[in-house]
Amino acid sequence: MTTLTKQLFFFAIYSIFLTGCVQKLSPWERGSLAKPQMALETLPLDSAIMKHTYTSKEAASGGYGVGGGGCGCN
C-alpha cells in the first residue's frame, strides 16, 4: 500500500467511527440531561466567587481576561 492509500483508508475508518458517536436527542431525553447533577459547575455562585478571586489575584498577568493592577478594584 502506498502512503496515500493508507491515509485514505485510515481516514475512512476514522470517519465511520466518528459518525457512530453522533446521535440526535429526543425531547424526552433532553430532560434527563438537564438535571442539576449533570451541570459542569455544581455551585455556580461559589464558582463565580472563586473566578473573581482568581482574577483579582492574577489581574497583572491576565486572569480570566479582565485587566487591572491586581488590587481587586475592577
Protein backbone atom coordinates (compact mmCIF):
# COMPACT_ATOMS: atom_id res chain seq x y z
CA MET A 1 0.00 0.00 0.00
CA THR A 2 1.20 3.45 -0.77
CA THR A 3 1.21 6.21 1.81
CA LEU A 4 -1.74 7.98 0.20
CA THR A 5 -3.78 4.77 0.14
CA LYS A 6 -3.01 4.14 3.81
CA GLN A 7 -4.03 7.67 4.72
CA LEU A 8 -7.31 7.39 2.81
CA PHE A 9 -8.01 4.01 4.42
CA PHE A 10 -7.43 5.31 7.94
CA PHE A 11 -9.43 8.46 7.19
CA ALA A 12 -12.36 6.31 6.00
CA ILE A 13 -12.21 4.09 9.10
CA TYR A 14 -11.90 7.14 11.37
CA SER A 15 -14.88 8.87 9.76
CA ILE A 16 -17.01 5.74 10.11
CA PHE A 17 -16.24 5.51 13.83
CA LEU A 18 -16.73 9.25 14.26
CA THR A 19 -20.22 9.20 12.76
CA GLY A 20 -21.21 6.42 15.16
CA CYS A 21 -20.77 8.80 18.10
CA VAL A 22 -23.22 11.41 16.82
CA GLN A 23 -26.78 10.95 17.99
CA LYS A 24 -29.78 13.20 17.88
CA LEU A 25 -31.50 13.53 21.24
CA SER A 26 -35.23 13.18 21.56
CA PRO A 27 -37.13 15.79 23.59
CA TRP A 28 -37.77 13.34 26.44
CA GLU A 29 -34.05 12.51 26.63
CA ARG A 30 -33.07 16.16 26.98
CA GLY A 31 -34.90 16.38 30.29
CA SER A 32 -32.61 13.83 31.91
CA LEU A 33 -29.53 15.69 30.68
CA ALA A 34 -30.82 18.98 32.10
CA LYS A 35 -30.77 17.72 35.68
CA PRO A 36 -28.65 19.67 38.18
CA GLN A 37 -26.40 16.63 38.64
CA MET A 38 -25.29 16.95 35.01
CA ALA A 39 -24.07 20.55 35.39
CA LEU A 40 -20.38 21.22 34.89
CA GLU A 41 -20.33 23.52 37.91
CA THR A 42 -22.41 22.26 40.80
CA LEU A 43 -22.35 25.55 42.71
CA PRO A 44 -22.42 28.44 40.21
CA LEU A 45 -22.24 31.18 42.86
CA ASP A 46 -19.27 29.57 44.57
CA SER A 47 -17.58 29.15 41.22
CA ALA A 48 -18.18 32.81 40.33
CA ILE A 49 -16.63 33.92 43.63
CA MET A 50 -13.59 31.71 43.05
CA LYS A 51 -13.17 33.09 39.50
CA HIS A 52 -13.43 36.65 40.78
CA THR A 53 -10.82 35.96 43.46
CA TYR A 54 -8.50 34.36 40.92
CA THR A 55 -8.95 37.27 38.53
CA SER A 56 -8.25 39.76 41.32
CA LYS A 57 -5.05 37.97 42.26
CA GLU A 58 -3.84 37.33 38.72
CA ALA A 59 -5.03 40.52 37.04
CA ALA A 60 -1.49 41.67 36.36
CA SER A 61 -0.91 38.57 34.24
CA GLY A 62 -4.36 38.33 32.64
CA GLY A 63 -6.52 36.16 34.88
CA TYR A 64 -9.82 35.43 33.13
CA GLY A 65 -9.44 38.22 30.60
CA VAL A 66 -10.08 41.15 32.94
CA GLY A 67 -7.31 43.72 33.16
CA GLY A 68 -6.27 45.51 36.27
CA GLY A 69 -3.47 46.02 38.71
CA GLY A 70 -4.23 43.10 40.98
CA CYS A 71 -5.85 45.19 43.71
CA GLY A 72 -9.33 43.82 43.01
CA CYS A 73 -10.92 47.19 42.17
CA ASN A 74 -12.04 46.25 38.67
